[in-house]
Amino acid sequence: MGSEGFRGLAVWQRAKNLAVRVYRVCAEGRLASDFGLRDQLQRSAVSVASNIAEGDERCSDREAVRFFFIAKGSLAELSTQIEIAKEIGYLNSEVMEAIEAECMAIGKMLGALIKARSKEPPLLPIASRP
């Protein structure tokens, strides 16, 4: 891990950029006046990046992984809400599909991060133990 902390994680950068995109989309059209759905979209998008950051700053991989799973859950919420927004006519297919593709990519990255941080450190061979 570099000195950048969570900001150095590509998955955090993409999640943060996704949240910015969602905020911009929510400021336009009919979605801008639907306070309930707009708020849910924004909260779930912000939650993804926020939980990645919080998890990465935790003192153990076990704690970090818990927050990365929460981020995956928020990503699923966002994906669901985006689909609903499209189906009720608030978003066009192009916008919905672009956001959905980014959700899927971030989900895969989170899965890889969870897998990497869930691994137990390898045991040293008996002859190498102090």
C-alpha atoms as a PDB file:
ATOM      1  CA  MET A   1       0.000   0.000   0.000  1.00  0.00           C
ATOM      2  CA  GLY A   2       1.345   3.373  -0.943  1.00  0.00           C
ATOM      3  CA  SER A   3       1.208   6.571   1.063  1.00  0.00           C
ATOM      4  CA  GLU A   4      -2.043   7.512  -0.687  1.00  0.00           C
ATOM      5  CA  GLY A   5      -4.079   5.118   1.469  1.00  0.00           C
ATOM      6  CA  PHE A   6      -7.560   4.370   0.153  1.00  0.00           C
ATOM      7  CA  ARG A   7      -7.203   7.120  -2.468  1.00  0.00           C
ATOM      8  CA  GLY A   8      -4.596   4.945  -4.153  1.00  0.00           C
ATOM      9  CA  LEU A   9      -7.083   2.108  -4.643  1.00  0.00           C
ATOM     10  CA  ALA A  10      -8.395   1.986  -8.221  1.00  0.00           C
ATOM     11  CA  VAL A  11     -11.695   0.578  -6.939  1.00  0.00           C
ATOM     12  CA  TRP A  12     -12.160   3.576  -4.616  1.00  0.00           C
ATOM     13  CA  GLN A  13     -11.359   6.008  -7.440  1.00  0.00           C
ATOM     14  CA  ARG A  14     -13.927   4.376  -9.713  1.00  0.00           C
ATOM     15  CA  ALA A  15     -16.539   4.246  -6.948  1.00  0.00           C
ATOM     16  CA  LYS A  16     -15.990   7.926  -6.146  1.00  0.00           C
ATOM     17  CA  ASN A  17     -16.295   8.825  -9.834  1.00  0.00           C
ATOM     18  CA  LEU A  18     -19.486   6.775 -10.042  1.00  0.00           C
ATOM     19  CA  ALA A  19     -20.950   8.706  -7.096  1.00  0.00           C
ATOM     20  CA  VAL A  20     -20.132  11.999  -8.827  1.00  0.00           C
ATOM     21  CA  ARG A  21     -21.799  10.714 -11.999  1.00  0.00           C
ATOM     22  CA  VAL A  22     -24.905   9.636 -10.082  1.00  0.00           C
ATOM     23  CA  TYR A  23     -25.152  13.086  -8.453  1.00  0.00           C
ATOM     24  CA  ARG A  24     -24.974  14.713 -11.888  1.00  0.00           C
ATOM     25  CA  VAL A  25     -27.614  12.381 -13.324  1.00  0.00           C
ATOM     26  CA  CYS A  26     -29.870  13.068 -10.330  1.00  0.00           C
ATOM     27  CA  ALA A  27     -29.713  16.819 -10.977  1.00  0.00           C
ATOM     28  CA  GLU A  28     -31.377  16.440 -14.390  1.00  0.00           C
ATOM     29  CA  GLY A  29     -34.828  15.705 -15.736  1.00  0.00           C
ATOM     30  CA  ARG A  30     -37.671  14.132 -13.829  1.00  0.00           C
ATOM     31  CA  LEU A  31     -35.322  12.408 -11.405  1.00  0.00           C
ATOM     32  CA  ALA A  32     -34.342  15.808  -9.989  1.00  0.00           C
ATOM     33  CA  SER A  33     -37.865  16.317  -8.628  1.00  0.00           C
ATOM     34  CA  ASP A  34     -38.338  12.814  -7.177  1.00  0.00           C
ATOM     35  CA  PHE A  35     -36.754  13.496  -3.795  1.00  0.00           C
ATOM     36  CA  GLY A  36     -37.183   9.948  -2.472  1.00  0.00           C
ATOM     37  CA  LEU A  37     -35.563   8.045  -5.320  1.00  0.00           C
ATOM     38  CA  ARG A  38     -32.968  10.758  -5.915  1.00  0.00           C
ATOM     39  CA  ASP A  39     -31.935  10.616  -2.252  1.00  0.00           C
ATOM     40  CA  GLN A  40     -31.700   6.814  -2.290  1.00  0.00           C
ATOM     41  CA  LEU A  41     -29.589   6.838  -5.461  1.00  0.00           C
ATOM     42  CA  GLN A  42     -27.212   9.408  -4.036  1.00  0.00           C
ATOM     43  CA  ARG A  43     -26.929   7.687  -0.657  1.00  0.00           C
ATOM     44  CA  SER A  44     -26.198   4.268  -2.101  1.00  0.00           C
ATOM     45  CA  ALA A  45     -23.625   5.687  -4.566  1.00  0.00           C
ATOM     46  CA  VAL A  46     -21.819   7.614  -1.827  1.00  0.00           C
ATOM     47  CA  SER A  47     -21.942   4.568   0.441  1.00  0.00           C
ATOM     48  CA  VAL A  48     -19.934   2.452  -2.000  1.00  0.00           C
ATOM     49  CA  ALA A  49     -16.910   4.761  -2.027  1.00  0.00           C
ATOM     50  CA  SER A  50     -17.280   5.616   1.663  1.00  0.00           C
ATOM     51  CA  ASN A  51     -17.262   1.992   2.806  1.00  0.00           C
ATOM     52  CA  ILE A  52     -14.247   1.185   0.634  1.00  0.00           C
ATOM     53  CA  ALA A  53     -12.408   4.093   2.269  1.00  0.00           C
ATOM     54  CA  GLU A  54     -13.493   3.153   5.774  1.00  0.00           C
ATOM     55  CA  GLY A  55     -12.619  -0.490   5.272  1.00  0.00           C
ATOM     56  CA  ASP A  56      -9.188   0.277   3.922  1.00  0.00           C
ATOM     57  CA  GLU A  57      -8.442   2.460   6.949  1.00  0.00           C
ATOM     58  CA  ARG A  58      -9.355  -0.284   9.431  1.00  0.00           C
ATOM     59  CA  CYS A  59      -6.598  -1.933  11.408  1.00  0.00           C
ATOM     60  CA  SER A  60      -7.256  -5.498  10.280  1.00  0.00           C
ATOM     61  CA  ASP A  61      -8.073  -7.254   7.039  1.00  0.00           C
ATOM     62  CA  ARG A  62     -11.043  -8.911   8.728  1.00  0.00           C
ATOM     63  CA  GLU A  63     -12.575  -5.519   9.546  1.00  0.00           C
ATOM     64  CA  ALA A  64     -11.694  -4.191   6.095  1.00  0.00           C
ATOM     65  CA  VAL A  65     -13.418  -7.091   4.379  1.00  0.00           C
ATOM     66  CA  ARG A  66     -16.595  -6.458   6.374  1.00  0.00           C
ATOM     67  CA  PHE A  67     -16.745  -2.897   5.014  1.00  0.00           C
ATOM     68  CA  PHE A  68     -15.940  -4.074   1.481  1.00  0.00           C
ATOM     69  CA  PHE A  69     -18.954  -6.399   1.700  1.00  0.00           C
ATOM     70  CA  ILE A  70     -21.095  -3.466   2.835  1.00  0.00           C
ATOM     71  CA  ALA A  71     -19.828  -1.552  -0.210  1.00  0.00           C
ATOM     72  CA  LYS A  72     -20.914  -4.477  -2.428  1.00  0.00           C
ATOM     73  CA  GLY A  73     -24.353  -4.339  -0.828  1.00  0.00           C
ATOM     74  CA  SER A  74     -24.615  -0.618  -1.522  1.00  0.00           C
ATOM     75  CA  LEU A  75     -23.569  -1.287  -5.098  1.00  0.00           C
ATOM     76  CA  ALA A  76     -26.435  -3.774  -5.448  1.00  0.00           C
ATOM     77  CA  GLU A  77     -28.820  -1.154  -4.035  1.00  0.00           C
ATOM     78  CA  LEU A  78     -27.584   1.399  -6.557  1.00  0.00           C
ATOM     79  CA  SER A  79     -27.952  -1.070  -9.418  1.00  0.00           C
ATOM     80  CA  THR A  80     -31.534  -1.830  -8.367  1.00  0.00           C
ATOM     81  CA  GLN A  81     -32.443   1.843  -8.012  1.00  0.00           C
ATOM     82  CA  ILE A  82     -30.940   2.700 -11.406  1.00  0.00           C
ATOM     83  CA  GLU A  83     -33.009  -0.038 -13.014  1.00  0.00           C
ATOM     84  CA  ILE A  84     -36.160   1.259 -11.318  1.00  0.00           C
ATOM     85  CA  ALA A  85     -35.392   4.818 -12.458  1.00  0.00           C
ATOM     86  CA  LYS A  86     -35.074   3.561 -16.037  1.00  0.00           C
ATOM     87  CA  GLU A  87     -38.272   1.510 -15.897  1.00  0.00           C
ATOM     88  CA  ILE A  88     -40.353   4.444 -14.644  1.00  0.00           C
ATOM     89  CA  GLY A  89     -38.986   6.675 -17.383  1.00  0.00           C
ATOM     90  CA  TYR A  90     -36.559   8.814 -15.401  1.00  0.00           C
ATOM     91  CA  LEU A  91     -33.448   7.565 -17.213  1.00  0.00           C
ATOM     92  CA  ASN A  92     -32.807   6.537 -20.767  1.00  0.00           C
ATOM     93  CA  SER A  93     -31.329   3.141 -21.596  1.00  0.00           C
ATOM     94  CA  GLU A  94     -27.921   4.577 -22.484  1.00  0.00           C
ATOM     95  CA  VAL A  95     -27.427   6.227 -19.085  1.00  0.00           C
ATOM     96  CA  MET A  96     -28.792   3.243 -17.186  1.00  0.00           C
ATOM     97  CA  GLU A  97     -26.604   0.771 -19.075  1.00  0.00           C
ATOM     98  CA  ALA A  98     -23.462   2.887 -18.582  1.00  0.00           C
ATOM     99  CA  ILE A  99     -24.025   3.138 -14.841  1.00  0.00           C
ATOM    100  CA  GLU A 100     -24.912  -0.541 -14.629  1.00  0.00           C
ATOM    101  CA  ALA A 101     -21.718  -1.489 -16.490  1.00  0.00           C
ATOM    102  CA  GLU A 102     -19.689   0.581 -14.035  1.00  0.00           C
ATOM    103  CA  CYS A 103     -21.489  -1.074 -11.097  1.00  0.00           C
ATOM    104  CA  MET A 104     -20.584  -4.488 -12.489  1.00  0.00           C
ATOM    105  CA  ALA A 105     -16.933  -3.510 -13.011  1.00  0.00           C
ATOM    106  CA  ILE A 106     -16.652  -2.080  -9.492  1.00  0.00           C
ATOM    107  CA  GLY A 107     -18.351  -5.186  -8.111  1.00  0.00           C
ATOM    108  CA  LYS A 108     -15.730  -7.399  -9.733  1.00  0.00           C
ATOM    109  CA  MET A 109     -12.953  -5.204  -8.378  1.00  0.00           C
ATOM    110  CA  LEU A 110     -14.466  -5.373  -4.898  1.00  0.00           C
ATOM    111  CA  GLY A 111     -14.730  -9.142  -5.180  1.00  0.00           C
ATOM    112  CA  ALA A 112     -11.034  -9.349  -6.023  1.00  0.00           C
ATOM    113  CA  LEU A 113     -10.163  -7.013  -3.152  1.00  0.00           C
ATOM    114  CA  ILE A 114     -12.241  -9.073  -0.734  1.00  0.00           C
ATOM    115  CA  LYS A 115     -10.539 -12.245  -1.919  1.00  0.00           C
ATOM    116  CA  ALA A 116      -7.075 -10.703  -1.585  1.00  0.00           C
ATOM    117  CA  ARG A 117      -7.718  -9.299   1.884  1.00  0.00           C
ATOM    118  CA  SER A 118      -9.436 -12.504   3.096  1.00  0.00           C
ATOM    119  CA  LYS A 119      -6.437 -14.739   2.538  1.00  0.00           C
ATOM    120  CA  GLU A 120      -4.676 -16.065   5.580  1.00  0.00           C
ATOM    121  CA  PRO A 121      -0.952 -15.392   5.612  1.00  0.00           C
ATOM    122  CA  PRO A 122       0.934 -18.505   4.523  1.00  0.00           C
ATOM    123  CA  LEU A 123       2.460 -20.589   7.268  1.00  0.00           C
ATOM    124  CA  LEU A 124       6.209 -20.777   7.310  1.00  0.00           C
ATOM    125  CA  PRO A 125       7.692 -24.247   6.890  1.00  0.00           C
ATOM    126  CA  ILE A 126       8.644 -25.788  10.213  1.00  0.00           C
ATOM    127  CA  ALA A 127      12.363 -25.465   9.429  1.00  0.00           C
ATOM    128  CA  SER A 128      11.960 -21.715   8.803  1.00  0.00           C
ATOM    129  CA  ARG A 129      10.070 -20.951  12.010  1.00  0.00           C
ATOM    130  CA  PRO A 130      11.957 -19.043  14.705  1.00  0.00           C
END
